[in-house]
Amino acid sequence: MLSDGWALAGLALSAFTSATILPGSSEAALLALLYAQPTLLWPALLTASLANTAGGLTSLWLGQRAPTPPKPGRALSWLHRHGAPVLALSWVPLLGDALCVAAGWLRLPWWPCLLWLALGKTARYAVLVWLAKGV
């Protein structure tokens, strides 16, 4: 069995990469860790949430590095109109990565983006753990 530190480090790596354009399955990693070491519920939830949020912020940062914002289309206009709260959906596979990059392109304010990213990603993991515990 892995030590708690190594198990959480592996979860952090999986959660971080899952929030970028790199492939990953942080949900499976979180559930596997909690199955093997159920006493790590809160540290695992915190680790996955923080690392996944950091991955989303990395995508946002990369979007800010684009030379010029893209030409406004329907999706970008929608994101610009609704702003940072849309990033609560950043946990949705494929869509979430694009939302984070687009928020960076649009130069949305950093602190509200951080808040909504963290809320959405933490809520997703909390619901996942709650559903898994109920089964």
N, C-alpha and C. Protein backbone atom coordinates (compact mmCIF):
# COMPACT_ATOMS: atom_id res chain seq x y z
N MET A 1 0.85 -1.18 0.00
CA MET A 1 0.00 0.00 0.00
C MET A 1 0.89 1.24 0.00
N LEU A 2 0.49 2.24 -0.76
CA LEU A 2 1.24 3.50 -0.82
C LEU A 2 1.09 4.27 0.47
N SER A 3 2.13 5.04 0.80
CA SER A 3 1.99 5.93 1.95
C SER A 3 0.96 7.01 1.60
N ASP A 4 0.42 7.62 2.62
CA ASP A 4 -0.59 8.66 2.40
C ASP A 4 -0.06 9.77 1.51
N GLY A 5 1.18 10.18 1.76
CA GLY A 5 1.77 11.28 0.97
C GLY A 5 1.88 10.94 -0.50
N TRP A 6 2.35 9.74 -0.81
CA TRP A 6 2.49 9.35 -2.22
C TRP A 6 1.13 9.19 -2.88
N ALA A 7 0.18 8.64 -2.14
CA ALA A 7 -1.17 8.47 -2.70
C ALA A 7 -1.79 9.83 -3.03
N LEU A 8 -1.63 10.80 -2.13
CA LEU A 8 -2.18 12.13 -2.38
C LEU A 8 -1.42 12.85 -3.50
N ALA A 9 -0.11 12.61 -3.59
CA ALA A 9 0.68 13.22 -4.67
C ALA A 9 0.23 12.68 -6.03
N GLY A 10 -0.03 11.38 -6.10
CA GLY A 10 -0.53 10.80 -7.35
C GLY A 10 -1.90 11.35 -7.71
N LEU A 11 -2.75 11.51 -6.71
CA LEU A 11 -4.07 12.10 -6.94
C LEU A 11 -3.93 13.53 -7.44
N ALA A 12 -3.02 14.29 -6.83
CA ALA A 12 -2.81 15.69 -7.24
C ALA A 12 -2.36 15.76 -8.69
N LEU A 13 -1.43 14.89 -9.08
CA LEU A 13 -0.95 14.88 -10.46
C LEU A 13 -2.09 14.55 -11.42
N SER A 14 -2.89 13.55 -11.07
CA SER A 14 -4.01 13.17 -11.92
C SER A 14 -5.04 14.30 -12.02
N ALA A 15 -5.34 14.94 -10.90
CA ALA A 15 -6.33 16.02 -10.90
C ALA A 15 -5.82 17.23 -11.68
N PHE A 16 -4.53 17.54 -11.54
CA PHE A 16 -3.98 18.69 -12.27
C PHE A 16 -4.04 18.45 -13.77
N THR A 17 -3.54 17.30 -14.22
CA THR A 17 -3.51 17.04 -15.66
C THR A 17 -4.91 16.90 -16.24
N SER A 18 -5.84 16.40 -15.44
CA SER A 18 -7.22 16.25 -15.93
C SER A 18 -7.88 17.59 -16.22
N ALA A 19 -7.38 18.65 -15.60
CA ALA A 19 -7.97 19.98 -15.80
C ALA A 19 -7.29 20.74 -16.93
N THR A 20 -6.34 20.12 -17.59
CA THR A 20 -5.67 20.73 -18.73
C THR A 20 -6.08 19.95 -19.97
N ILE A 21 -5.45 20.25 -21.09
CA ILE A 21 -5.78 19.52 -22.31
C ILE A 21 -5.16 18.12 -22.31
N LEU A 22 -4.34 17.82 -21.30
CA LEU A 22 -3.76 16.48 -21.18
C LEU A 22 -4.84 15.50 -20.71
N PRO A 23 -4.75 14.25 -21.14
CA PRO A 23 -5.77 13.29 -20.71
C PRO A 23 -5.57 12.90 -19.25
N GLY A 24 -6.65 12.56 -18.62
CA GLY A 24 -6.57 12.11 -17.24
C GLY A 24 -7.96 11.73 -16.74
N SER A 25 -7.99 10.99 -15.66
CA SER A 25 -9.26 10.60 -15.07
C SER A 25 -9.15 10.75 -13.56
N SER A 26 -9.24 11.97 -13.12
CA SER A 26 -9.07 12.24 -11.69
C SER A 26 -10.21 11.66 -10.86
N GLU A 27 -11.39 11.53 -11.44
CA GLU A 27 -12.51 10.96 -10.70
C GLU A 27 -12.20 9.51 -10.32
N ALA A 28 -11.68 8.75 -11.27
CA ALA A 28 -11.33 7.36 -11.00
C ALA A 28 -10.20 7.28 -9.97
N ALA A 29 -9.23 8.17 -10.08
CA ALA A 29 -8.12 8.19 -9.13
C ALA A 29 -8.62 8.51 -7.72
N LEU A 30 -9.52 9.47 -7.61
CA LEU A 30 -10.07 9.85 -6.30
C LEU A 30 -10.84 8.68 -5.69
N LEU A 31 -11.70 8.06 -6.48
CA LEU A 31 -12.50 6.95 -5.95
C LEU A 31 -11.63 5.75 -5.59
N ALA A 32 -10.61 5.47 -6.41
CA ALA A 32 -9.70 4.36 -6.10
C ALA A 32 -8.95 4.62 -4.80
N LEU A 33 -8.49 5.85 -4.63
CA LEU A 33 -7.77 6.21 -3.40
C LEU A 33 -8.69 6.06 -2.19
N LEU A 34 -9.91 6.54 -2.30
CA LEU A 34 -10.83 6.46 -1.16
C LEU A 34 -11.26 5.02 -0.88
N TYR A 35 -11.29 4.18 -1.90
CA TYR A 35 -11.59 2.77 -1.69
C TYR A 35 -10.46 2.10 -0.92
N ALA A 36 -9.22 2.43 -1.30
CA ALA A 36 -8.04 1.83 -0.66
C ALA A 36 -7.76 2.43 0.71
N GLN A 37 -8.00 3.73 0.85
CA GLN A 37 -7.67 4.42 2.10
C GLN A 37 -8.81 5.38 2.48
N PRO A 38 -9.91 4.83 2.97
CA PRO A 38 -11.08 5.66 3.26
C PRO A 38 -10.85 6.75 4.31
N THR A 39 -9.83 6.60 5.13
CA THR A 39 -9.56 7.63 6.14
C THR A 39 -9.02 8.92 5.53
N LEU A 40 -8.68 8.88 4.26
CA LEU A 40 -8.14 10.07 3.59
C LEU A 40 -9.23 10.90 2.90
N LEU A 41 -10.48 10.72 3.30
CA LEU A 41 -11.58 11.41 2.62
C LEU A 41 -11.34 12.91 2.48
N TRP A 42 -11.16 13.62 3.58
CA TRP A 42 -11.02 15.08 3.51
C TRP A 42 -9.72 15.52 2.87
N PRO A 43 -8.58 14.90 3.22
CA PRO A 43 -7.35 15.30 2.51
C PRO A 43 -7.42 15.03 1.00
N ALA A 44 -8.06 13.93 0.62
CA ALA A 44 -8.17 13.60 -0.80
C ALA A 44 -9.09 14.58 -1.52
N LEU A 45 -10.20 14.92 -0.90
CA LEU A 45 -11.13 15.88 -1.50
C LEU A 45 -10.45 17.24 -1.66
N LEU A 46 -9.72 17.68 -0.65
CA LEU A 46 -9.01 18.95 -0.71
C LEU A 46 -7.91 18.91 -1.77
N THR A 47 -7.14 17.83 -1.79
CA THR A 47 -6.05 17.70 -2.76
C THR A 47 -6.57 17.71 -4.19
N ALA A 48 -7.59 16.91 -4.46
CA ALA A 48 -8.15 16.85 -5.82
C ALA A 48 -8.71 18.21 -6.23
N SER A 49 -9.41 18.87 -5.32
CA SER A 49 -10.02 20.17 -5.64
C SER A 49 -8.96 21.22 -5.93
N LEU A 50 -7.94 21.30 -5.08
CA LEU A 50 -6.88 22.30 -5.27
C LEU A 50 -6.09 22.05 -6.55
N ALA A 51 -5.72 20.79 -6.78
CA ALA A 51 -4.91 20.47 -7.97
C ALA A 51 -5.72 20.67 -9.25
N ASN A 52 -6.98 20.31 -9.24
CA ASN A 52 -7.82 20.48 -10.42
C ASN A 52 -8.06 21.96 -10.69
N THR A 53 -8.23 22.74 -9.64
CA THR A 53 -8.38 24.18 -9.80
C THR A 53 -7.09 24.78 -10.36
N ALA A 54 -5.95 24.33 -9.87
CA ALA A 54 -4.66 24.82 -10.39
C ALA A 54 -4.51 24.48 -11.87
N GLY A 55 -4.96 23.30 -12.27
CA GLY A 55 -4.91 22.95 -13.69
C GLY A 55 -5.79 23.85 -14.53
N GLY A 56 -6.98 24.17 -14.03
CA GLY A 56 -7.87 25.09 -14.73
C GLY A 56 -7.28 26.48 -14.84
N LEU A 57 -6.63 26.93 -13.76
CA LEU A 57 -5.97 28.24 -13.80
C LEU A 57 -4.81 28.25 -14.79
N THR A 58 -4.15 27.11 -14.94
CA THR A 58 -3.07 27.01 -15.93
C THR A 58 -3.64 27.20 -17.34
N SER A 59 -4.77 26.58 -17.62
CA SER A 59 -5.41 26.76 -18.93
C SER A 59 -5.83 28.21 -19.13
N LEU A 60 -6.35 28.83 -18.07
CA LEU A 60 -6.75 30.23 -18.15
C LEU A 60 -5.52 31.10 -18.44
N TRP A 61 -4.43 30.83 -17.75
CA TRP A 61 -3.18 31.58 -17.95
C TRP A 61 -2.67 31.42 -19.39
N LEU A 62 -2.75 30.20 -19.92
CA LEU A 62 -2.33 29.98 -21.31
C LEU A 62 -3.21 30.77 -22.27
N GLY A 63 -4.50 30.85 -21.98
CA GLY A 63 -5.40 31.65 -22.80
C GLY A 63 -5.04 33.12 -22.77
N GLN A 64 -4.59 33.60 -21.63
CA GLN A 64 -4.17 35.00 -21.52
C GLN A 64 -2.92 35.28 -22.34
N ARG A 65 -2.15 34.25 -22.60
CA ARG A 65 -0.90 34.41 -23.35
C ARG A 65 -1.12 34.43 -24.85
N ALA A 66 -2.34 34.22 -25.30
CA ALA A 66 -2.64 34.29 -26.74
C ALA A 66 -2.32 35.71 -27.21
N PRO A 67 -1.72 35.83 -28.39
CA PRO A 67 -1.31 37.17 -28.85
C PRO A 67 -2.45 38.17 -28.89
N THR A 68 -3.58 37.77 -29.38
CA THR A 68 -4.75 38.65 -29.39
C THR A 68 -5.97 37.78 -29.12
N PRO A 69 -6.97 38.35 -28.49
CA PRO A 69 -8.18 37.56 -28.29
C PRO A 69 -8.77 37.13 -29.63
N PRO A 70 -9.41 35.96 -29.67
CA PRO A 70 -10.01 35.48 -30.92
C PRO A 70 -11.17 36.37 -31.34
N LYS A 71 -11.54 36.21 -32.59
CA LYS A 71 -12.70 36.95 -33.09
C LYS A 71 -13.93 36.48 -32.33
N PRO A 72 -14.77 37.43 -31.92
CA PRO A 72 -15.93 37.03 -31.13
C PRO A 72 -16.89 36.15 -31.94
N GLY A 73 -17.20 35.03 -31.38
CA GLY A 73 -18.21 34.14 -31.94
C GLY A 73 -19.33 34.01 -30.93
N ARG A 74 -20.27 33.15 -31.22
CA ARG A 74 -21.41 32.98 -30.31
C ARG A 74 -20.98 32.52 -28.93
N ALA A 75 -20.12 31.51 -28.89
CA ALA A 75 -19.71 30.96 -27.60
C ALA A 75 -18.92 31.98 -26.79
N LEU A 76 -18.00 32.68 -27.45
CA LEU A 76 -17.21 33.68 -26.73
C LEU A 76 -18.08 34.85 -26.28
N SER A 77 -19.03 35.24 -27.10
CA SER A 77 -19.94 36.32 -26.70
C SER A 77 -20.76 35.90 -25.48
N TRP A 78 -21.19 34.65 -25.46
CA TRP A 78 -21.95 34.12 -24.33
C TRP A 78 -21.10 34.14 -23.07
N LEU A 79 -19.84 33.69 -23.18
CA LEU A 79 -18.94 33.69 -22.03
C LEU A 79 -18.66 35.12 -21.56
N HIS A 80 -18.44 36.01 -22.49
CA HIS A 80 -18.16 37.40 -22.13
C HIS A 80 -19.37 38.04 -21.43
N ARG A 81 -20.56 37.72 -21.90
CA ARG A 81 -21.79 38.28 -21.33
C ARG A 81 -22.03 37.77 -19.90
N HIS A 82 -21.80 36.47 -19.67
CA HIS A 82 -22.08 35.88 -18.36
C HIS A 82 -20.88 35.93 -17.42
N GLY A 83 -19.69 36.05 -17.96
CA GLY A 83 -18.50 36.25 -17.14
C GLY A 83 -18.03 35.03 -16.37
N ALA A 84 -17.29 35.31 -15.32
CA ALA A 84 -16.62 34.28 -14.53
C ALA A 84 -17.54 33.19 -13.96
N PRO A 85 -18.80 33.47 -13.59
CA PRO A 85 -19.64 32.40 -13.05
C PRO A 85 -19.79 31.19 -13.98
N VAL A 86 -19.60 31.40 -15.27
CA VAL A 86 -19.68 30.28 -16.22
C VAL A 86 -18.59 29.24 -15.91
N LEU A 87 -17.51 29.68 -15.29
CA LEU A 87 -16.42 28.76 -14.98
C LEU A 87 -16.79 27.73 -13.91
N ALA A 88 -17.94 27.87 -13.29
CA ALA A 88 -18.44 26.82 -12.40
C ALA A 88 -18.69 25.54 -13.20
N LEU A 89 -18.83 25.67 -14.52
CA LEU A 89 -19.00 24.51 -15.40
C LEU A 89 -17.68 23.97 -15.92
N SER A 90 -16.57 24.45 -15.40
CA SER A 90 -15.26 24.05 -15.92
C SER A 90 -14.95 22.58 -15.66
N TRP A 91 -15.73 21.91 -14.85
CA TRP A 91 -15.51 20.49 -14.59
C TRP A 91 -16.05 19.60 -15.71
N VAL A 92 -16.90 20.15 -16.58
CA VAL A 92 -17.49 19.35 -17.66
C VAL A 92 -16.39 18.93 -18.64
N PRO A 93 -16.26 17.64 -18.92
CA PRO A 93 -15.20 17.19 -19.82
C PRO A 93 -15.23 17.92 -21.17
N LEU A 94 -14.08 18.25 -21.68
CA LEU A 94 -13.83 18.96 -22.94
C LEU A 94 -14.32 20.40 -22.90
N LEU A 95 -15.56 20.62 -22.52
CA LEU A 95 -16.10 21.97 -22.44
C LEU A 95 -15.32 22.81 -21.42
N GLY A 96 -15.01 22.20 -20.29
CA GLY A 96 -14.33 22.92 -19.22
C GLY A 96 -12.98 23.47 -19.64
N ASP A 97 -12.20 22.67 -20.37
CA ASP A 97 -10.89 23.13 -20.84
C ASP A 97 -11.05 24.34 -21.75
N ALA A 98 -12.01 24.25 -22.66
CA ALA A 98 -12.25 25.36 -23.59
C ALA A 98 -12.73 26.61 -22.85
N LEU A 99 -13.58 26.43 -21.84
CA LEU A 99 -14.05 27.58 -21.07
C LEU A 99 -12.90 28.30 -20.38
N CYS A 100 -11.98 27.53 -19.81
CA CYS A 100 -10.85 28.15 -19.10
C CYS A 100 -9.95 28.91 -20.06
N VAL A 101 -9.64 28.31 -21.19
CA VAL A 101 -8.79 29.00 -22.18
C VAL A 101 -9.51 30.24 -22.70
N ALA A 102 -10.80 30.12 -23.00
CA ALA A 102 -11.56 31.26 -23.51
C ALA A 102 -11.64 32.38 -22.48
N ALA A 103 -11.79 32.03 -21.21
CA ALA A 103 -11.82 33.06 -20.16
C ALA A 103 -10.49 33.81 -20.12
N GLY A 104 -9.41 33.10 -20.36
CA GLY A 104 -8.11 33.76 -20.44
C GLY A 104 -8.01 34.67 -21.65
N TRP A 105 -8.48 34.18 -22.80
CA TRP A 105 -8.47 34.99 -24.03
C TRP A 105 -9.24 36.29 -23.82
N LEU A 106 -10.38 36.16 -23.13
CA LEU A 106 -11.23 37.33 -22.90
C LEU A 106 -10.71 38.23 -21.78
N ARG A 107 -9.64 37.79 -21.13
CA ARG A 107 -9.03 38.56 -20.03
C ARG A 107 -10.04 38.81 -18.91
N LEU A 108 -10.83 37.77 -18.59
CA LEU A 108 -11.76 37.91 -17.47
C LEU A 108 -10.96 38.10 -16.19
N PRO A 109 -11.52 38.79 -15.20
CA PRO A 109 -10.78 39.07 -13.96
C PRO A 109 -10.38 37.79 -13.23
N TRP A 110 -9.14 37.79 -12.75
CA TRP A 110 -8.52 36.59 -12.19
C TRP A 110 -9.21 36.09 -10.93
N TRP A 111 -9.47 36.93 -9.95
CA TRP A 111 -10.04 36.48 -8.68
C TRP A 111 -11.43 35.87 -8.84
N PRO A 112 -12.35 36.49 -9.58
CA PRO A 112 -13.64 35.83 -9.78
C PRO A 112 -13.49 34.50 -10.53
N CYS A 113 -12.56 34.44 -11.47
CA CYS A 113 -12.33 33.17 -12.19
C CYS A 113 -11.86 32.10 -11.22
N LEU A 114 -10.92 32.44 -10.34
CA LEU A 114 -10.43 31.50 -9.34
C LEU A 114 -11.57 31.01 -8.46
N LEU A 115 -12.39 31.92 -7.99
CA LEU A 115 -13.51 31.56 -7.12
C LEU A 115 -14.46 30.58 -7.81
N TRP A 116 -14.90 30.90 -9.02
CA TRP A 116 -15.88 30.05 -9.72
C TRP A 116 -15.28 28.73 -10.17
N LEU A 117 -14.01 28.74 -10.56
CA LEU A 117 -13.33 27.48 -10.89
C LEU A 117 -13.32 26.56 -9.67
N ALA A 118 -12.86 27.10 -8.55
CA ALA A 118 -12.75 26.30 -7.33
C ALA A 118 -14.11 25.79 -6.87
N LEU A 119 -15.12 26.62 -6.92
CA LEU A 119 -16.46 26.19 -6.50
C LEU A 119 -16.99 25.05 -7.37
N GLY A 120 -16.87 25.21 -8.68
CA GLY A 120 -17.37 24.18 -9.58
C GLY A 120 -16.63 22.86 -9.44
N LYS A 121 -15.32 22.93 -9.37
CA LYS A 121 -14.52 21.71 -9.30
C LYS A 121 -14.68 21.01 -7.95
N THR A 122 -14.73 21.78 -6.87
CA THR A 122 -14.93 21.19 -5.55
C THR A 122 -16.31 20.57 -5.43
N ALA A 123 -17.32 21.24 -5.93
CA ALA A 123 -18.68 20.69 -5.89
C ALA A 123 -18.77 19.38 -6.65
N ARG A 124 -18.10 19.30 -7.81
CA ARG A 124 -18.12 18.06 -8.59
C ARG A 124 -17.52 16.91 -7.79
N TYR A 125 -16.35 17.11 -7.18
CA TYR A 125 -15.72 16.05 -6.40
C TYR A 125 -16.55 15.69 -5.17
N ALA A 126 -17.13 16.69 -4.51
CA ALA A 126 -17.94 16.42 -3.32
C ALA A 126 -19.17 15.58 -3.68
N VAL A 127 -19.82 15.92 -4.77
CA VAL A 127 -20.99 15.14 -5.21
C VAL A 127 -20.56 13.72 -5.59
N LEU A 128 -19.45 13.59 -6.28
CA LEU A 128 -18.94 12.27 -6.67
C LEU A 128 -18.68 11.40 -5.44
N VAL A 129 -18.01 11.97 -4.44
CA VAL A 129 -17.71 11.22 -3.22
C VAL A 129 -19.01 10.87 -2.48
N TRP A 130 -19.92 11.82 -2.40
CA TRP A 130 -21.20 11.58 -1.73
C TRP A 130 -21.97 10.45 -2.42
N LEU A 131 -22.01 10.47 -3.75
CA LEU A 131 -22.70 9.41 -4.49
C LEU A 131 -22.01 8.06 -4.29
N ALA A 132 -20.69 8.06 -4.30
CA ALA A 132 -19.95 6.81 -4.12
C ALA A 132 -20.15 6.24 -2.72
N LYS A 133 -20.22 7.09 -1.74
CA LYS A 133 -20.44 6.64 -0.36
C LYS A 133 -21.85 6.09 -0.17
N GLY A 134 -22.79 6.63 -0.94
CA GLY A 134 -24.18 6.19 -0.82
C GLY A 134 -24.46 4.88 -1.52
N VAL A 135 -23.56 4.46 -2.39
CA VAL A 135 -23.78 3.23 -3.17
C VAL A 135 -23.30 2.03 -2.41
